[in-house]
Amino acid sequence: MQSGFIEPFNGSFRRGVLDMYAFRSLIEVREQVEQWIPDYSNDIPQGRLDGLTPAEYRVQNDPATSDLAWQREVDSEASPDDRSNSVFP
């Protein structure tokens, strides 16, 4: 199942970075990746996210701004030991 999530990212990364440039150094790779990541997160809609960008999806599914807000109440009622296993901060 993990490859089902990573394959679309790998394809976008290959098309958007690796196939676009002939890199001469790791520094050039890092610079291009740093420029590409915000584009990927903010500008490129993802089919598996119902056509949303990762940033839009994150906002819609943030417990503070979405229907998932109830989870914070449940987590805040848990003991400190229980909260360490929570997926929400």
Protein backbone atom coordinates (compact mmCIF):
# COMPACT_ATOMS: atom_id res chain seq x y z
CA MET A 1 0.00 0.00 0.00
CA GLN A 2 2.88 2.38 0.72
CA SER A 3 3.98 2.41 -2.91
CA GLY A 4 0.47 3.56 -3.88
CA PHE A 5 1.12 6.80 -2.01
CA ILE A 6 4.75 7.38 -2.94
CA GLU A 7 4.58 6.56 -6.67
CA PRO A 8 2.63 9.72 -7.64
CA PHE A 9 5.11 11.85 -5.68
CA ASN A 10 8.07 10.07 -7.29
CA GLY A 11 6.61 10.67 -10.75
CA SER A 12 6.02 14.36 -10.06
CA PHE A 13 9.51 14.72 -8.60
CA ARG A 14 11.11 12.99 -11.58
CA ARG A 15 9.17 15.09 -14.13
CA GLY A 16 9.53 18.35 -12.21
CA VAL A 17 13.16 18.10 -11.12
CA LEU A 18 15.25 15.12 -12.19
CA ASP A 19 14.22 15.03 -15.87
CA MET A 20 14.37 18.82 -16.29
CA TYR A 21 18.01 19.48 -15.45
CA ALA A 22 21.48 18.08 -16.00
CA PHE A 23 22.93 18.51 -12.53
CA ARG A 24 26.64 19.03 -12.01
CA SER A 25 26.62 18.95 -8.23
CA LEU A 26 24.55 18.04 -5.22
CA ILE A 27 24.24 21.73 -4.43
CA GLU A 28 22.40 22.24 -7.74
CA VAL A 29 20.08 19.35 -6.92
CA ARG A 30 19.30 20.81 -3.50
CA GLU A 31 18.64 24.26 -4.96
CA GLN A 32 16.19 22.89 -7.54
CA VAL A 33 14.45 20.72 -4.95
CA GLU A 34 14.07 23.72 -2.63
CA GLN A 35 12.43 25.64 -5.48
CA TRP A 36 10.21 22.73 -6.53
CA ILE A 37 8.82 21.69 -3.13
CA PRO A 38 6.69 24.86 -2.63
CA ASP A 39 5.33 24.48 -6.18
CA TYR A 40 4.41 20.86 -5.49
CA SER A 41 2.78 21.71 -2.17
CA ASN A 42 0.98 24.90 -3.19
CA ASP A 43 0.42 24.89 -6.96
CA ILE A 44 0.15 21.33 -8.30
CA PRO A 45 -3.30 19.73 -7.82
CA GLN A 46 -3.19 16.05 -6.91
CA GLY A 47 -5.71 13.56 -8.29
CA ARG A 48 -5.55 11.41 -5.18
CA LEU A 49 -6.50 14.50 -3.13
CA ASP A 50 -9.63 15.14 -5.22
CA GLY A 51 -7.86 17.78 -7.30
CA LEU A 52 -6.62 19.79 -4.31
CA THR A 53 -3.03 20.82 -3.75
CA PRO A 54 -1.37 19.29 -0.67
CA ALA A 55 -1.62 22.70 1.06
CA GLU A 56 -5.36 22.97 0.34
CA TYR A 57 -5.91 19.40 1.50
CA ARG A 58 -4.01 20.07 4.73
CA VAL A 59 -6.15 23.15 5.48
CA GLN A 60 -9.37 21.24 4.82
CA ASN A 61 -8.26 18.37 7.04
CA ASP A 62 -6.59 20.32 9.85
CA PRO A 63 -8.37 19.43 13.10
CA ALA A 64 -8.49 23.12 14.04
CA THR A 65 -10.36 24.12 10.86
CA SER A 66 -12.28 21.02 9.80
CA ASP A 67 -14.85 18.54 11.03
CA LEU A 68 -11.95 16.68 12.65
CA ALA A 69 -11.83 19.30 15.45
CA TRP A 70 -13.62 16.86 17.76
CA GLN A 71 -10.38 14.84 17.88
CA ARG A 72 -8.63 17.64 19.78
CA GLU A 73 -11.27 17.47 22.51
CA VAL A 74 -10.77 13.72 22.84
CA ASP A 75 -6.99 14.14 22.94
CA SER A 76 -7.14 16.94 25.52
CA GLU A 77 -9.18 14.68 27.81
CA ALA A 78 -6.57 11.92 27.61
CA SER A 79 -3.87 11.59 30.21
CA PRO A 80 -0.38 12.89 29.25
CA ASP A 81 0.77 9.30 28.76
CA ASP A 82 -2.09 8.63 26.32
CA ARG A 83 -1.40 11.84 24.38
CA SER A 84 2.13 10.78 23.52
CA ASN A 85 0.64 8.18 21.16
CA SER A 86 -1.76 10.61 19.51
CA VAL A 87 -1.32 11.69 15.90
CA PHE A 88 -2.43 15.21 16.84
CA PRO A 89 -0.12 17.57 18.78
